[in-house]
Protein backbone atom coordinates (compact mmCIF):
# COMPACT_ATOMS: atom_id res chain seq x y z
CA MET A 1 79.25 -27.65 -47.86
CA ARG A 2 74.82 -28.20 -47.89
CA PHE A 3 72.97 -25.18 -47.05
CA LEU A 4 69.64 -25.47 -45.88
CA PHE A 5 67.22 -21.87 -46.24
CA VAL A 6 65.21 -21.98 -42.99
CA GLY A 7 62.49 -19.82 -43.24
CA ASP A 8 59.40 -17.40 -43.17
CA SER A 9 57.61 -15.43 -46.01
CA MET A 10 60.01 -12.99 -46.54
CA THR A 11 62.50 -16.52 -47.67
CA ILE A 12 60.23 -19.06 -49.14
CA GLY A 13 58.80 -15.74 -51.57
CA ARG A 14 55.71 -15.57 -53.72
CA ALA A 15 55.41 -16.02 -57.67
CA GLY A 16 57.50 -13.79 -59.52
CA ASP A 17 59.78 -13.56 -56.99
CA PHE A 18 63.51 -13.54 -57.55
CA THR A 19 63.76 -14.56 -53.23
CA TRP A 20 66.99 -13.86 -51.61
CA ARG A 21 67.59 -17.11 -51.93
CA TYR A 22 68.06 -16.95 -55.41
CA ARG A 23 70.63 -14.74 -54.67
CA MET A 24 72.21 -16.83 -52.34
CA TRP A 25 72.76 -19.25 -54.80
CA GLN A 26 74.07 -16.80 -57.54
CA HIS A 27 76.95 -16.07 -54.89
CA LEU A 28 77.77 -19.45 -53.65
CA SER A 29 78.26 -20.18 -57.80
CA GLY A 30 81.39 -17.89 -57.75
CA CYS A 31 82.27 -18.24 -54.46
CA ASP A 32 85.87 -20.89 -55.20
CA ASP A 33 85.46 -23.33 -52.13
CA GLY A 34 82.46 -24.96 -53.50
CA PRO A 35 81.34 -26.96 -54.63
CA HIS A 36 77.71 -25.36 -52.32
CA GLU A 37 75.10 -28.03 -52.31
CA ILE A 38 71.24 -26.76 -51.77
CA VAL A 39 69.20 -28.78 -49.89
CA GLY A 40 65.65 -28.94 -48.85
CA PRO A 41 62.23 -30.74 -48.49
CA ARG A 42 60.39 -27.81 -50.26
CA SER A 43 61.00 -25.77 -53.22
CA LEU A 44 58.09 -24.24 -54.65
CA LEU A 45 56.88 -20.99 -54.09
CA TYR A 46 53.80 -19.09 -52.72
CA ASP A 47 50.38 -18.21 -55.07
CA ALA A 48 48.16 -15.96 -53.13
CA GLU A 49 45.63 -17.08 -55.04
CA ALA A 50 45.86 -20.61 -54.24
CA ASP A 51 46.58 -19.37 -50.54
CA ALA A 52 49.82 -22.05 -50.85
CA ALA A 53 53.16 -23.17 -51.83
CA VAL A 54 52.37 -24.02 -55.45
CA SER A 55 53.99 -22.10 -57.87
CA THR A 56 57.18 -22.85 -59.62
CA ALA A 57 57.03 -18.71 -61.36
CA TYR A 58 60.38 -17.56 -60.68
CA ALA A 59 61.84 -14.40 -61.96
CA ALA A 60 64.12 -15.64 -63.41
CA PRO A 61 65.81 -18.91 -64.02
CA PHE A 62 67.03 -20.75 -61.32
CA PRO A 63 68.08 -25.05 -61.14
CA PRO A 64 65.77 -26.84 -59.73
CA ALA A 65 67.56 -28.40 -57.26
CA ALA A 66 69.19 -24.84 -56.12
CA ARG A 67 65.54 -23.63 -55.48
CA ARG A 68 65.47 -26.06 -52.38
CA HIS A 69 64.19 -24.83 -48.78
CA LEU A 70 62.22 -25.59 -45.22
CA ALA A 71 60.63 -21.84 -45.42
CA GLY A 72 56.01 -20.76 -45.58
CA TRP A 73 54.55 -18.18 -45.62
CA GLY A 74 53.76 -17.70 -41.78
CA GLU A 75 55.19 -20.14 -40.87
CA GLY A 76 57.46 -19.51 -37.89
CA TRP A 77 60.43 -20.56 -35.40
CA VAL A 78 56.87 -22.13 -33.27
CA HIS A 79 56.26 -24.15 -36.78
CA LEU A 80 59.67 -25.40 -37.83
CA ALA A 81 61.17 -25.78 -34.68
CA PRO A 82 59.79 -29.90 -34.40
CA LEU A 83 60.16 -30.00 -37.77
CA ILE A 84 63.70 -29.25 -38.11
CA GLY A 85 65.55 -32.85 -36.49
CA PRO A 86 63.73 -34.53 -39.36
CA VAL A 87 65.02 -32.31 -42.05
CA ALA A 88 68.36 -32.47 -41.16
CA LYS A 89 68.54 -36.08 -40.31
CA GLU A 90 66.92 -36.53 -43.61
CA HIS A 91 68.40 -33.98 -46.65
CA ARG A 92 71.63 -33.53 -43.98
CA PRO A 93 72.95 -29.79 -43.72
CA ASP A 94 76.32 -28.38 -42.95
CA VAL A 95 75.15 -24.99 -42.45
CA LEU A 96 71.14 -23.57 -42.10
CA LEU A 97 70.78 -19.98 -43.13
CA VAL A 98 67.73 -18.74 -41.07
CA SER A 99 65.83 -15.90 -41.05
CA LEU A 100 62.59 -16.20 -38.92
CA GLY A 101 60.49 -14.42 -35.63
CA LEU A 102 58.80 -11.55 -37.78
CA ILE A 103 55.78 -14.06 -38.05
CA ASP A 104 56.09 -15.51 -34.60
CA LEU A 105 56.21 -12.03 -32.98
CA GLY A 106 53.25 -10.96 -35.07
CA PHE A 107 50.36 -13.73 -34.84
CA TYR A 108 51.40 -16.37 -32.55
CA THR A 109 54.57 -15.87 -29.78
CA ASN A 110 55.25 -13.09 -27.79
CA SER A 111 59.49 -12.19 -27.09
CA ALA A 112 59.86 -14.64 -24.00
CA GLN A 113 58.38 -17.32 -25.96
CA THR A 114 59.70 -17.27 -29.67
CA ALA A 115 63.39 -17.43 -28.03
CA ASP A 116 61.85 -20.72 -26.18
CA ASN A 117 61.34 -22.18 -30.01
CA VAL A 118 65.14 -20.78 -30.72
CA ARG A 119 66.51 -22.85 -28.58
CA ALA A 120 63.87 -25.62 -28.85
CA PHE A 121 64.94 -25.43 -32.93
CA VAL A 122 68.52 -25.66 -31.86
CA ALA A 123 68.53 -28.62 -29.66
CA GLY A 124 66.37 -30.61 -32.41
CA ALA A 125 69.01 -28.95 -35.05
CA ARG A 126 72.02 -30.09 -33.77
CA ALA A 127 70.31 -34.04 -32.03
CA ALA A 128 69.67 -35.01 -36.01
CA ALA A 129 73.32 -33.65 -37.08
CA PRO A 130 75.18 -32.54 -33.98
CA ARG A 131 78.30 -30.16 -35.62
CA LEU A 132 75.54 -28.48 -37.77
CA ARG A 133 76.42 -24.37 -38.50
CA MET A 134 74.35 -22.24 -38.26
CA VAL A 135 73.68 -18.58 -39.28
CA LEU A 136 70.72 -16.45 -37.48
CA LEU A 137 69.31 -13.00 -39.45
CA PRO A 138 67.58 -10.81 -36.20
CA VAL A 139 64.27 -9.92 -37.13
CA ILE A 140 63.45 -6.73 -39.60
CA PRO A 141 60.82 -4.93 -38.53
CA ASN A 142 58.59 -4.25 -41.04
CA VAL A 143 55.37 -1.62 -41.59
CA ARG A 144 53.16 -2.16 -38.58
CA ALA A 145 56.57 -1.41 -36.50
CA ARG A 146 55.62 2.37 -37.12
CA GLY A 147 52.65 2.73 -35.85
CA ASP A 148 52.54 -0.31 -33.68
CA ALA A 149 54.65 0.27 -30.52
CA PRO A 150 53.84 -2.46 -28.40
CA PHE A 151 54.92 -4.97 -31.78
CA ALA A 152 57.87 -2.56 -32.16
CA ALA A 153 59.55 -3.12 -29.01
CA GLU A 154 58.44 -6.93 -28.66
CA CYS A 155 61.03 -6.86 -31.89
CA GLU A 156 63.25 -4.96 -30.14
CA HIS A 157 63.19 -7.28 -27.40
CA PHE A 158 63.93 -10.44 -29.25
CA ASN A 159 66.52 -9.48 -31.59
CA VAL A 160 68.46 -8.47 -27.87
CA ARG A 161 67.11 -12.16 -26.72
CA LEU A 162 68.44 -14.07 -30.08
CA ALA A 163 72.13 -12.96 -29.24
CA LYS A 164 72.49 -13.73 -26.30
CA GLU A 165 70.95 -17.62 -27.72
CA VAL A 166 73.64 -16.68 -29.79
CA ALA A 167 75.88 -16.06 -27.41
CA ASP A 168 75.01 -19.28 -24.83
CA LEU A 169 74.14 -21.96 -27.65
CA GLY A 170 76.90 -21.68 -29.83
CA THR A 171 80.27 -24.14 -28.80
CA PRO A 172 82.72 -25.22 -31.36
CA SER A 173 81.29 -28.30 -32.64
CA SER A 174 78.43 -26.66 -33.71
CA PRO A 175 79.39 -23.29 -33.92
CA ILE A 176 75.65 -20.49 -34.62
CA LEU A 177 76.37 -17.28 -36.02
CA LEU A 178 74.35 -14.32 -35.77
CA ALA A 179 74.61 -11.74 -38.93
CA SER A 180 74.46 -8.42 -38.80
CA PRO A 181 71.09 -6.70 -39.98
CA PRO A 182 71.35 -5.77 -43.56
CA LYS A 183 73.29 -2.33 -43.92
CA GLU A 184 70.80 0.93 -44.37
CA TYR A 185 68.00 -1.87 -45.10
CA ALA A 186 64.95 0.91 -45.65
CA ILE A 187 61.39 -0.44 -45.50
CA ASP A 188 60.26 1.78 -47.99
CA ARG A 189 62.79 0.90 -50.43
CA ASP A 190 63.58 -2.40 -49.55
CA THR A 191 60.40 -4.16 -49.63
CA TYR A 192 57.58 -3.91 -51.60
CA ASP A 193 54.37 -4.11 -49.37
CA GLY A 194 56.01 -2.80 -46.30
CA THR A 195 57.63 -6.35 -45.14
CA HIS A 196 58.51 -8.80 -48.19
CA PRO A 197 61.91 -8.17 -50.05
CA GLY A 198 62.09 -7.20 -53.39
CA PRO A 199 65.53 -6.76 -55.41
CA SER A 200 67.00 -4.27 -53.97
CA GLY A 201 66.44 -6.09 -49.69
CA GLU A 202 66.89 -9.59 -51.32
CA HIS A 203 70.70 -8.56 -52.04
CA LYS A 204 70.61 -6.58 -48.64
CA LEU A 205 69.36 -9.99 -47.65
CA ALA A 206 71.34 -12.10 -48.73
CA ALA A 207 74.74 -9.84 -48.68
CA ALA A 208 73.77 -9.98 -44.66
CA PHE A 209 74.18 -14.30 -44.25
CA ALA A 210 77.84 -14.07 -47.49
CA THR A 211 78.95 -11.52 -45.24
CA ALA A 212 79.23 -13.17 -41.65
CA MET A 213 80.29 -16.88 -43.04
CA HIS A 214 83.37 -14.69 -45.27
CA GLN A 215 84.18 -12.80 -42.03
CA ALA A 216 83.72 -15.78 -39.60
CA TRP A 217 84.74 -18.95 -40.86
CA GLY A 218 85.75 -17.71 -43.86
CA LEU A 219 83.30 -19.24 -46.42
CA GLY A 220 82.20 -18.11 -49.67
CA GLY A 221 83.31 -14.98 -50.06
CA PRO A 222 83.13 -11.16 -50.28
CA TYR A 223 79.28 -10.97 -51.87
CA ARG A 224 78.93 -9.01 -54.79
CA PRO A 225 75.31 -8.73 -55.75
CA ARG A 226 75.21 -10.37 -59.53
CA PRO A 227 72.18 -8.86 -61.76
């Protein structure tokens, strides 16, 4: 199986992070139903000083081939919907693991417009790979939601819309899963700045995807955190 990670700053990570992609690679590497391959056009981390994705400074040894992704600091559904078709055609993933939406709602689009971009993303992906499977993670509200009631409401509205889109768009030949929000995810404990996951948050994000795939499709196995 070929996996493609798709996401925003929570997925690309910044210099010095492990990333939840690393945690998922560890998980897949230990599953008996492999081999599993990570694919994608990018591999770098975001560097704050350069304000660009130019870093290779992962927090742990991470094989170059497993670092691949389609994620970007400040990029959301609105940015990646036009890219997913060409990327899927070139890199031929079997499964997309997608964590997007927070940056859209925070800066670019409201919940209805973001849902439109979800549909555009799915259509573009399937045009290139009609039998592609997808796992979508709901938006996890960040620290901004504590003091910004309209933003918090948009996050909630989008997650309701996302569940509907998953139900409407899934097909037998190209199923879509809505992962459950990470259990007991706490932004004060599981992030380093109220948004981006620290080590405990990375494990919980990876576990959300791993559990969804294992329970629905029998892919991989139960998530077991590794150091």
